[in-house]
């Protein structure tokens, strides 16, 4: 399944400010590709992902899912917060997709067992989310996304809330799972190292309003492991992305205050002291 994004813009009106989050994003995620999007804080990465997921509507532009298997794309999303239902056990959180579709219980029970085994949590099926570590919760969220049998998986900073060691382990786990089925994946992240470890290509976004500055091919051999991070090609890719990002990160920091942000337009005249009397 390909994801074709054409000319996406997004504007928000907040109080007296009109904020332009996306300035015209066009890109294509290839079938079965692991594609990353990286950029400075506030550049519209999550907004872009939410539009692709259908959670938000763009001001202008379109998203098209192109593939042969289904007439309508099946999309699953993995959030920064695992977003599990706390009153359900692990083995009742995983099969939400098949359950909502009305699949017979024996069918989604087998699906649940299969994907819990895939993420190595088969022994924790009867546990509730508050009994799990952060890394385990994200594994359950990934199993839930996979159990929905999506054509496209969207991932919004899925490991951002985890400690460094857990992030390293889960990156390898995610790569192991992806190598098995090769789903189309669109990943949003702030972490350059994570993007290079996981992705085939990486789109580098500008500071807001976000546009695509460049798309970098990751020429690091697969399968990738922790040892891949010492590969000269890995290091060169990191440096190439940082060279593109450095100016944008600095720009985003300088323009963080509303009075310095050219993308914020007043939607009503500013009141003076005398207007209040």
Protein backbone atom coordinates (compact mmCIF):
# COMPACT_ATOMS: atom_id res chain seq x y z
CA UNK A 1 0.00 0.00 0.00
CA UNK A 2 1.42 3.39 -1.04
CA UNK A 3 0.58 6.63 0.76
CA UNK A 4 0.53 9.64 -1.56
CA UNK A 5 0.40 13.05 0.13
CA UNK A 6 -0.14 16.06 -2.09
CA UNK A 7 0.01 19.72 -1.13
CA UNK A 8 -1.15 19.42 2.49
CA UNK A 9 -1.64 22.68 4.36
CA UNK A 10 -3.15 23.12 7.80
CA UNK A 11 -4.16 26.29 9.61
CA UNK A 12 -5.46 26.62 13.16
CA UNK A 13 -7.29 29.58 14.67
CA UNK A 14 -6.54 29.91 18.40
CA UNK A 15 -8.03 32.96 20.05
CA UNK A 16 -6.83 35.93 18.04
CA UNK A 17 -4.04 33.99 16.31
CA UNK A 18 -4.13 32.11 13.02
CA UNK A 19 -1.33 29.54 13.03
CA UNK A 20 -0.10 27.85 9.86
CA UNK A 21 1.22 24.44 10.89
CA UNK A 22 1.82 22.88 7.45
CA UNK A 23 2.89 24.94 4.46
CA UNK A 24 2.29 22.50 1.61
CA UNK A 25 3.63 18.98 2.20
CA UNK A 26 3.95 16.55 -0.69
CA UNK A 27 5.59 13.13 -0.47
CA UNK A 28 5.06 9.48 -1.31
CA UNK A 29 5.57 6.51 1.00
CA UNK A 30 6.26 3.41 -1.08
CA UNK A 31 4.61 0.04 -0.65
CA UNK A 32 6.10 -1.89 2.30
CA UNK A 33 8.51 0.96 3.04
CA UNK A 34 9.58 2.05 6.52
CA UNK A 35 9.42 5.82 6.07
CA UNK A 36 10.39 8.43 8.65
CA UNK A 37 9.50 12.08 9.16
CA UNK A 38 11.77 14.21 11.32
CA UNK A 39 11.83 17.92 12.10
CA UNK A 40 12.06 20.52 14.85
CA UNK A 41 9.44 20.91 17.56
CA UNK A 42 6.29 22.55 16.25
CA UNK A 43 6.96 21.86 12.57
CA UNK A 44 3.69 19.97 12.08
CA UNK A 45 4.91 16.35 12.14
CA UNK A 46 2.10 15.06 14.36
CA UNK A 47 -0.44 17.19 12.49
CA UNK A 48 0.70 15.53 9.27
CA UNK A 49 0.33 12.07 10.81
CA UNK A 50 -3.11 12.88 12.21
CA UNK A 51 -4.28 14.02 8.77
CA UNK A 52 -3.01 10.79 7.20
CA UNK A 53 -4.85 8.85 9.94
CA UNK A 54 -8.06 10.74 9.24
CA UNK A 55 -8.10 12.27 12.73
CA UNK A 56 -7.84 15.80 11.33
CA UNK A 57 -8.85 17.40 8.05
CA UNK A 58 -6.39 19.49 6.04
CA UNK A 59 -7.05 23.09 5.07
CA UNK A 60 -5.90 22.20 1.56
CA UNK A 61 -4.41 19.13 -0.10
CA UNK A 62 -5.12 15.41 -0.11
CA UNK A 63 -4.00 11.99 1.11
CA UNK A 64 -4.46 8.96 -1.12
CA UNK A 65 -3.91 5.29 -0.31
CA UNK A 66 -2.92 3.33 -3.40
CA UNK A 67 -2.82 -0.47 -3.41
CA UNK A 68 -4.26 -3.63 -4.91
CA UNK A 69 -5.43 -5.56 -1.86
CA UNK A 70 -8.24 -3.35 -0.65
CA UNK A 71 -10.37 -0.59 -2.06
CA UNK A 72 -10.09 1.28 1.26
CA UNK A 73 -6.87 1.47 3.24
CA UNK A 74 -6.81 -0.14 6.65
CA UNK A 75 -4.72 2.10 8.92
CA UNK A 76 -3.58 1.49 12.50
CA UNK A 77 -1.84 4.03 14.71
CA UNK A 78 0.65 3.65 17.56
CA UNK A 79 0.69 6.74 19.78
CA UNK A 80 3.41 8.19 22.01
CA UNK A 81 1.27 7.12 24.95
CA UNK A 82 0.25 3.46 24.58
CA UNK A 83 -3.41 4.52 25.07
CA UNK A 84 -4.50 1.13 26.39
CA UNK A 85 -7.90 0.60 28.02
CA UNK A 86 -6.98 0.30 31.73
CA UNK A 87 -10.04 -1.80 32.64
CA UNK A 88 -9.17 -4.47 30.06
CA UNK A 89 -6.46 -7.09 30.38
CA UNK A 90 -3.70 -7.31 27.79
CA UNK A 91 -5.44 -10.09 25.89
CA UNK A 92 -8.60 -7.94 25.73
CA UNK A 93 -6.72 -4.82 24.57
CA UNK A 94 -4.94 -6.48 21.65
CA UNK A 95 -7.97 -7.69 19.63
CA UNK A 96 -9.90 -4.40 19.54
CA UNK A 97 -9.79 -4.18 15.74
CA UNK A 98 -11.06 -7.72 15.04
CA UNK A 99 -13.61 -7.38 17.86
CA UNK A 100 -15.03 -4.11 16.50
CA UNK A 101 -15.22 -5.65 13.02
CA UNK A 102 -17.39 -8.40 14.47
CA UNK A 103 -14.95 -11.27 13.93
CA UNK A 104 -15.92 -14.44 15.84
CA UNK A 105 -14.35 -14.68 19.29
CA UNK A 106 -12.32 -17.86 18.49
CA UNK A 107 -10.80 -16.01 15.50
CA UNK A 108 -9.64 -12.95 17.39
CA UNK A 109 -8.50 -15.10 20.30
CA UNK A 110 -6.10 -16.89 17.93
CA UNK A 111 -5.02 -13.53 16.48
CA UNK A 112 -4.33 -12.21 19.98
CA UNK A 113 -2.23 -15.23 20.93
CA UNK A 114 -0.25 -14.97 17.72
CA UNK A 115 0.67 -11.29 18.13
CA UNK A 116 1.33 -11.51 21.86
CA UNK A 117 3.80 -14.26 21.07
CA UNK A 118 5.30 -12.08 18.34
CA UNK A 119 6.01 -9.25 20.82
CA UNK A 120 7.06 -11.78 23.49
CA UNK A 121 4.27 -11.02 25.95
CA UNK A 122 2.30 -14.26 25.76
CA UNK A 123 2.71 -14.83 29.52
CA UNK A 124 1.19 -11.42 30.33
CA UNK A 125 -2.19 -11.83 28.66
CA UNK A 126 -4.10 -11.71 31.94
CA UNK A 127 -2.28 -8.60 33.24
CA UNK A 128 -3.81 -5.12 33.31
CA UNK A 129 -1.93 -2.14 31.81
CA UNK A 130 -1.05 -0.69 35.25
CA UNK A 131 0.87 -3.90 35.97
CA UNK A 132 3.16 -3.42 32.97
CA UNK A 133 6.32 -1.40 32.41
CA UNK A 134 6.32 1.42 29.85
CA UNK A 135 8.12 -0.75 27.31
CA UNK A 136 5.66 -3.59 27.76
CA UNK A 137 2.72 -1.22 27.28
CA UNK A 138 4.18 -0.05 23.97
CA UNK A 139 4.61 -3.68 22.92
CA UNK A 140 0.92 -4.26 23.64
CA UNK A 141 0.07 -1.13 21.60
CA UNK A 142 2.15 -2.50 18.71
CA UNK A 143 0.48 -5.92 18.98
CA UNK A 144 -2.93 -4.20 18.92
CA UNK A 145 -1.97 -2.29 15.76
CA UNK A 146 -0.72 -5.46 14.05
CA UNK A 147 -3.76 -7.51 15.13
CA UNK A 148 -5.91 -5.11 13.11
CA UNK A 149 -4.06 -6.43 10.01
CA UNK A 150 -3.51 -2.92 8.62
CA UNK A 151 -2.05 -2.03 5.24
CA UNK A 152 -0.37 1.02 6.83
CA UNK A 153 0.94 1.54 10.36
CA UNK A 154 1.34 5.13 11.60
CA UNK A 155 3.68 5.69 14.54
CA UNK A 156 3.83 8.95 16.49
CA UNK A 157 6.99 9.07 18.65
CA UNK A 158 6.23 5.54 19.92
CA UNK A 159 9.31 5.28 22.16
CA UNK A 160 9.68 8.91 23.29
CA UNK A 161 8.45 8.28 26.86
CA UNK A 162 10.78 5.34 27.49
CA UNK A 163 14.26 5.23 29.00
CA UNK A 164 17.25 4.99 26.65
CA UNK A 165 17.93 1.28 27.22
CA UNK A 166 14.30 0.29 26.63
CA UNK A 167 14.19 2.40 23.46
CA UNK A 168 17.19 0.53 22.06
CA UNK A 169 15.62 -2.85 22.77
CA UNK A 170 12.24 -1.90 21.32
CA UNK A 171 13.80 -0.53 18.14
CA UNK A 172 15.40 -3.92 17.51
CA UNK A 173 12.13 -5.65 18.39
CA UNK A 174 10.20 -3.43 15.97
CA UNK A 175 12.70 -4.13 13.19
CA UNK A 176 12.42 -7.87 13.82
CA UNK A 177 8.63 -7.69 13.52
CA UNK A 178 8.69 -5.41 10.47
CA UNK A 179 11.11 -7.70 8.63
CA UNK A 180 8.55 -10.49 8.98
CA UNK A 181 5.55 -8.84 7.29
CA UNK A 182 6.99 -5.66 5.72
CA UNK A 183 3.96 -3.46 6.38
CA UNK A 184 4.04 0.10 5.09
CA UNK A 185 5.10 2.22 8.09
CA UNK A 186 5.08 6.01 8.50
CA UNK A 187 7.05 7.03 11.60
CA UNK A 188 7.24 10.50 13.15
CA UNK A 189 10.16 11.08 15.51
CA UNK A 190 12.45 13.75 16.95
CA UNK A 191 15.26 11.23 17.31
CA UNK A 192 17.71 11.19 14.37
CA UNK A 193 19.43 8.02 15.56
CA UNK A 194 16.07 6.24 15.82
CA UNK A 195 15.04 7.36 12.33
CA UNK A 196 18.28 6.10 10.77
CA UNK A 197 18.09 2.79 12.65
CA UNK A 198 14.53 2.04 11.52
CA UNK A 199 13.84 3.73 8.21
CA UNK A 200 14.46 3.19 4.50
CA UNK A 201 14.01 6.90 3.76
CA UNK A 202 13.59 9.97 5.97
CA UNK A 203 11.81 13.22 5.13
CA UNK A 204 13.38 16.24 6.86
CA UNK A 205 10.88 19.01 7.62
CA UNK A 206 11.46 22.72 8.04
CA UNK A 207 10.39 24.81 11.01
CA UNK A 208 6.73 25.87 10.92
CA UNK A 209 5.00 26.16 8.61
CA UNK A 210 6.33 22.67 7.89
CA UNK A 211 7.42 21.74 4.40
CA UNK A 212 9.70 18.94 3.19
CA UNK A 213 13.28 20.20 2.86
CA UNK A 214 14.69 16.93 1.55
CA UNK A 215 14.17 13.18 1.57
CA UNK A 216 17.26 11.18 2.56
CA UNK A 217 17.80 7.55 1.59
CA UNK A 218 19.27 5.48 4.44
CA UNK A 219 22.06 3.43 2.85
CA UNK A 220 22.65 1.16 5.84
CA UNK A 221 22.44 -2.58 5.27
CA UNK A 222 19.58 -4.59 6.71
CA UNK A 223 19.00 -6.39 8.97
CA UNK A 224 20.04 -3.67 11.41
CA UNK A 225 21.02 -4.14 15.04
CA UNK A 226 22.71 -2.11 17.74
CA UNK A 227 26.03 -2.80 15.97
CA UNK A 228 24.74 -0.98 12.89
CA UNK A 229 25.15 2.32 14.77
CA UNK A 230 28.93 2.03 14.40
CA UNK A 231 28.67 1.50 10.63
CA UNK A 232 30.31 4.45 8.76
CA UNK A 233 27.22 4.67 6.52
CA UNK A 234 25.06 5.05 9.64
CA UNK A 235 27.24 7.90 10.93
CA UNK A 236 27.29 9.65 7.55
CA UNK A 237 23.50 9.52 7.37
CA UNK A 238 23.20 11.00 10.88
CA UNK A 239 25.49 13.85 9.91
CA UNK A 240 23.63 14.51 6.66
CA UNK A 241 20.29 14.78 8.46
CA UNK A 242 21.68 16.97 11.22
CA UNK A 243 23.21 19.33 8.64
CA UNK A 244 19.70 19.78 7.22
CA UNK A 245 18.06 20.08 10.64
CA UNK A 246 20.49 22.37 12.48
CA UNK A 247 19.23 25.64 10.96
CA UNK A 248 15.57 24.60 11.31
CA UNK A 249 15.94 23.67 14.99
CA UNK A 250 17.65 27.01 15.71
CA UNK A 251 14.93 28.85 13.78
CA UNK A 252 12.16 27.06 15.70
CA UNK A 253 13.80 27.99 19.02
CA UNK A 254 14.15 31.66 18.01
CA UNK A 255 10.56 31.85 16.83
CA UNK A 256 9.04 30.02 19.78
CA UNK A 257 7.51 33.18 21.20
CA UNK A 258 4.26 34.24 19.46
CA UNK A 259 5.51 37.79 18.90
CA UNK A 260 8.44 36.42 16.91
CA UNK A 261 6.47 33.90 14.86
CA UNK A 262 5.70 35.10 11.30
CA UNK A 263 3.30 32.19 10.83
CA UNK A 264 0.90 33.58 13.45
CA UNK A 265 -1.50 36.12 12.05
CA UNK A 266 -3.92 38.12 14.19
CA UNK A 267 -7.54 37.30 13.37
CA UNK A 268 -8.81 40.46 15.09
CA UNK A 269 -7.34 43.92 15.73
CA UNK A 270 -5.12 44.21 18.78
CA UNK A 271 -6.70 46.23 21.57
CA UNK A 272 -4.89 49.21 23.10
CA UNK A 273 -5.10 50.29 26.72
CA UNK A 274 -7.86 52.79 25.88
CA UNK A 275 -10.04 50.12 24.23
CA UNK A 276 -10.59 48.51 27.59
CA UNK A 277 -12.29 51.64 29.01
